[in-house]
Amino acid sequence: MQDYNYVWADCFEITLELSCCKYPPASELQQEWENNRESLLVFIEKVHIGVKGFVRDAVTGAGLENATIVVAGIAHNITAGK
């Protein structure tokens, strides 16, 4: 699903695995949080790094639907929404 969403919906999903144990006992959850808290918070702070905004016509300033955004060196184009 992550690959599909990235290619077709311009949505970048991730899976974070905090431990090798898929189902840690409830008694260990607090320690898992403490072990990973700082890393998770730093990740959340970095999520919005990049380019974001609106694609507009240079003359009229009107929004452009379905404009293709191409970045040199990145082999994945993005299409603007409505």
N, C-alpha and C. Protein backbone atom coordinates (compact mmCIF):
# COMPACT_ATOMS: atom_id res chain seq x y z
N MET A 1 0.83 -1.19 0.00
CA MET A 1 0.00 0.00 0.00
C MET A 1 0.87 1.25 0.00
N GLN A 2 1.99 1.22 0.70
CA GLN A 2 2.86 2.40 0.75
C GLN A 2 3.36 2.77 -0.63
N ASP A 3 3.80 1.79 -1.41
CA ASP A 3 4.29 2.05 -2.77
C ASP A 3 3.17 2.60 -3.65
N TYR A 4 2.00 2.02 -3.56
CA TYR A 4 0.86 2.47 -4.36
C TYR A 4 0.54 3.92 -4.04
N ASN A 5 0.44 4.26 -2.76
CA ASN A 5 0.11 5.62 -2.37
C ASN A 5 1.18 6.62 -2.81
N TYR A 6 2.45 6.22 -2.75
CA TYR A 6 3.53 7.11 -3.17
C TYR A 6 3.45 7.41 -4.66
N VAL A 7 3.23 6.36 -5.46
CA VAL A 7 3.22 6.53 -6.92
C VAL A 7 1.93 7.19 -7.41
N TRP A 8 0.79 6.78 -6.88
CA TRP A 8 -0.48 7.22 -7.44
C TRP A 8 -1.20 8.31 -6.66
N ALA A 9 -0.86 8.52 -5.40
CA ALA A 9 -1.59 9.51 -4.61
C ALA A 9 -0.68 10.59 -4.04
N ASP A 10 0.61 10.58 -4.41
CA ASP A 10 1.57 11.56 -3.89
C ASP A 10 1.54 11.61 -2.37
N CYS A 11 1.38 10.44 -1.78
CA CYS A 11 1.32 10.32 -0.33
C CYS A 11 2.46 9.42 0.12
N PHE A 12 3.32 9.92 0.97
CA PHE A 12 4.47 9.15 1.43
C PHE A 12 4.17 8.58 2.80
N GLU A 13 3.94 7.28 2.86
CA GLU A 13 3.66 6.61 4.13
C GLU A 13 4.89 5.87 4.60
N ILE A 14 5.01 5.71 5.90
CA ILE A 14 6.11 4.93 6.46
C ILE A 14 5.57 3.97 7.52
N THR A 15 6.36 2.98 7.81
CA THR A 15 6.08 2.08 8.92
C THR A 15 7.26 2.18 9.88
N LEU A 16 6.98 2.42 11.13
CA LEU A 16 8.03 2.48 12.15
C LEU A 16 7.93 1.24 13.02
N GLU A 17 9.02 0.54 13.12
CA GLU A 17 9.07 -0.62 14.02
C GLU A 17 10.04 -0.28 15.13
N LEU A 18 9.54 -0.24 16.34
CA LEU A 18 10.32 0.23 17.47
C LEU A 18 11.05 -0.89 18.20
N SER A 19 10.73 -2.11 17.87
CA SER A 19 11.31 -3.24 18.57
C SER A 19 11.24 -4.45 17.65
N CYS A 20 12.00 -5.47 17.95
CA CYS A 20 11.90 -6.70 17.17
C CYS A 20 10.66 -7.50 17.59
N CYS A 21 10.06 -7.13 18.69
CA CYS A 21 8.88 -7.81 19.21
C CYS A 21 7.62 -7.12 18.69
N LYS A 22 6.82 -7.84 17.91
CA LYS A 22 5.60 -7.24 17.35
C LYS A 22 4.53 -6.97 18.40
N TYR A 23 4.49 -7.78 19.44
CA TYR A 23 3.45 -7.64 20.45
C TYR A 23 4.09 -7.60 21.84
N PRO A 24 4.71 -6.47 22.20
CA PRO A 24 5.33 -6.42 23.53
C PRO A 24 4.25 -6.44 24.61
N PRO A 25 4.59 -7.00 25.74
CA PRO A 25 3.63 -6.99 26.86
C PRO A 25 3.31 -5.56 27.27
N ALA A 26 2.12 -5.35 27.75
CA ALA A 26 1.70 -4.01 28.18
C ALA A 26 2.66 -3.43 29.20
N SER A 27 3.25 -4.27 30.02
CA SER A 27 4.17 -3.79 31.05
C SER A 27 5.44 -3.17 30.46
N GLU A 28 5.74 -3.45 29.18
CA GLU A 28 6.94 -2.92 28.54
C GLU A 28 6.69 -1.70 27.66
N LEU A 29 5.46 -1.33 27.46
CA LEU A 29 5.13 -0.23 26.56
C LEU A 29 5.71 1.10 27.02
N GLN A 30 5.65 1.37 28.31
CA GLN A 30 6.21 2.63 28.82
C GLN A 30 7.70 2.72 28.51
N GLN A 31 8.43 1.63 28.68
CA GLN A 31 9.86 1.62 28.39
C GLN A 31 10.12 1.80 26.89
N GLU A 32 9.29 1.20 26.04
CA GLU A 32 9.43 1.39 24.59
C GLU A 32 9.26 2.86 24.24
N TRP A 33 8.27 3.50 24.84
CA TRP A 33 8.05 4.94 24.60
C TRP A 33 9.28 5.73 25.03
N GLU A 34 9.78 5.47 26.22
CA GLU A 34 10.96 6.19 26.72
C GLU A 34 12.18 5.94 25.84
N ASN A 35 12.36 4.73 25.34
CA ASN A 35 13.49 4.41 24.47
C ASN A 35 13.43 5.15 23.14
N ASN A 36 12.23 5.45 22.67
CA ASN A 36 12.07 6.00 21.32
C ASN A 36 11.48 7.40 21.27
N ARG A 37 11.15 7.96 22.39
CA ARG A 37 10.45 9.25 22.46
C ARG A 37 11.19 10.34 21.71
N GLU A 38 12.45 10.55 22.01
CA GLU A 38 13.20 11.65 21.40
C GLU A 38 13.31 11.48 19.89
N SER A 39 13.59 10.28 19.44
CA SER A 39 13.69 10.02 18.00
C SER A 39 12.38 10.29 17.29
N LEU A 40 11.28 9.87 17.88
CA LEU A 40 9.97 10.11 17.28
C LEU A 40 9.64 11.59 17.21
N LEU A 41 9.95 12.33 18.26
CA LEU A 41 9.68 13.77 18.26
C LEU A 41 10.52 14.50 17.22
N VAL A 42 11.79 14.11 17.08
CA VAL A 42 12.65 14.72 16.06
C VAL A 42 12.11 14.40 14.67
N PHE A 43 11.67 13.17 14.45
CA PHE A 43 11.09 12.79 13.17
C PHE A 43 9.87 13.66 12.85
N ILE A 44 9.00 13.84 13.82
CA ILE A 44 7.80 14.66 13.61
C ILE A 44 8.19 16.10 13.25
N GLU A 45 9.22 16.62 13.87
CA GLU A 45 9.68 17.98 13.56
C GLU A 45 10.20 18.08 12.12
N LYS A 46 10.77 17.01 11.58
CA LYS A 46 11.38 17.02 10.25
C LYS A 46 10.39 16.71 9.12
N VAL A 47 9.18 16.31 9.46
CA VAL A 47 8.22 15.86 8.45
C VAL A 47 7.95 16.92 7.39
N HIS A 48 7.90 18.16 7.74
CA HIS A 48 7.50 19.20 6.80
C HIS A 48 8.67 19.89 6.10
N ILE A 49 9.85 19.29 6.14
CA ILE A 49 10.98 19.86 5.40
C ILE A 49 10.75 19.57 3.93
N GLY A 50 10.96 20.54 3.11
CA GLY A 50 10.76 20.36 1.67
C GLY A 50 10.02 21.54 1.09
N VAL A 51 9.52 21.34 -0.09
CA VAL A 51 8.80 22.40 -0.79
C VAL A 51 7.32 22.14 -0.65
N LYS A 52 6.58 23.18 -0.34
CA LYS A 52 5.13 23.06 -0.28
C LYS A 52 4.53 24.41 -0.68
N GLY A 53 3.33 24.37 -1.17
CA GLY A 53 2.69 25.62 -1.56
C GLY A 53 1.67 25.39 -2.65
N PHE A 54 1.40 26.44 -3.40
CA PHE A 54 0.40 26.41 -4.44
C PHE A 54 1.06 26.65 -5.79
N VAL A 55 0.53 26.02 -6.84
CA VAL A 55 1.01 26.24 -8.20
C VAL A 55 0.04 27.25 -8.82
N ARG A 56 0.60 28.41 -9.20
CA ARG A 56 -0.25 29.49 -9.72
C ARG A 56 0.26 29.97 -11.08
N ASP A 57 -0.67 30.49 -11.86
CA ASP A 57 -0.33 31.10 -13.13
C ASP A 57 0.49 32.36 -12.86
N ALA A 58 1.59 32.54 -13.59
CA ALA A 58 2.49 33.67 -13.37
C ALA A 58 1.84 35.02 -13.68
N VAL A 59 0.88 35.04 -14.57
CA VAL A 59 0.25 36.31 -14.98
C VAL A 59 -0.98 36.61 -14.15
N THR A 60 -1.89 35.65 -14.08
CA THR A 60 -3.17 35.91 -13.41
C THR A 60 -3.17 35.57 -11.93
N GLY A 61 -2.25 34.71 -11.52
CA GLY A 61 -2.22 34.29 -10.12
C GLY A 61 -3.24 33.22 -9.79
N ALA A 62 -4.00 32.77 -10.80
CA ALA A 62 -5.00 31.73 -10.58
C ALA A 62 -4.31 30.39 -10.32
N GLY A 63 -4.92 29.57 -9.49
CA GLY A 63 -4.38 28.25 -9.21
C GLY A 63 -4.43 27.37 -10.45
N LEU A 64 -3.40 26.55 -10.63
CA LEU A 64 -3.34 25.64 -11.77
C LEU A 64 -3.61 24.22 -11.31
N GLU A 65 -4.63 23.60 -11.88
CA GLU A 65 -4.95 22.21 -11.55
C GLU A 65 -4.11 21.26 -12.38
N ASN A 66 -3.75 20.16 -11.80
CA ASN A 66 -3.04 19.08 -12.50
C ASN A 66 -1.73 19.52 -13.14
N ALA A 67 -1.07 20.51 -12.56
CA ALA A 67 0.26 20.92 -13.06
C ALA A 67 1.27 19.86 -12.62
N THR A 68 2.20 19.52 -13.50
CA THR A 68 3.23 18.55 -13.18
C THR A 68 4.45 19.28 -12.63
N ILE A 69 4.92 18.85 -11.47
CA ILE A 69 6.08 19.46 -10.83
C ILE A 69 7.24 18.49 -10.99
N VAL A 70 8.31 18.96 -11.64
CA VAL A 70 9.47 18.12 -11.93
C VAL A 70 10.68 18.71 -11.22
N VAL A 71 11.41 17.87 -10.51
CA VAL A 71 12.63 18.29 -9.83
C VAL A 71 13.79 17.52 -10.45
N ALA A 72 14.79 18.24 -10.94
CA ALA A 72 15.95 17.60 -11.56
C ALA A 72 16.62 16.67 -10.56
N GLY A 73 16.93 15.46 -11.01
CA GLY A 73 17.62 14.50 -10.15
C GLY A 73 16.70 13.61 -9.34
N ILE A 74 15.39 13.87 -9.38
CA ILE A 74 14.43 13.03 -8.67
C ILE A 74 13.50 12.43 -9.71
N ALA A 75 13.44 11.12 -9.76
CA ALA A 75 12.69 10.44 -10.82
C ALA A 75 11.24 10.20 -10.42
N HIS A 76 10.63 11.13 -9.73
CA HIS A 76 9.22 10.99 -9.35
C HIS A 76 8.58 12.38 -9.44
N ASN A 77 7.77 12.58 -10.44
CA ASN A 77 7.07 13.85 -10.60
C ASN A 77 5.84 13.90 -9.71
N ILE A 78 5.42 15.10 -9.36
CA ILE A 78 4.24 15.30 -8.53
C ILE A 78 3.22 16.07 -9.37
N THR A 79 1.97 15.72 -9.23
CA THR A 79 0.92 16.45 -9.93
C THR A 79 0.12 17.23 -8.91
N ALA A 80 -0.04 18.54 -9.18
CA ALA A 80 -0.78 19.41 -8.28
C ALA A 80 -2.25 19.01 -8.27
N GLY A 81 -2.89 19.23 -7.15
CA GLY A 81 -4.33 18.94 -7.04
C GLY A 81 -5.16 20.12 -7.51
N LYS A 82 -6.39 20.20 -7.01
CA LYS A 82 -7.29 21.31 -7.39
C LYS A 82 -6.96 22.55 -6.60
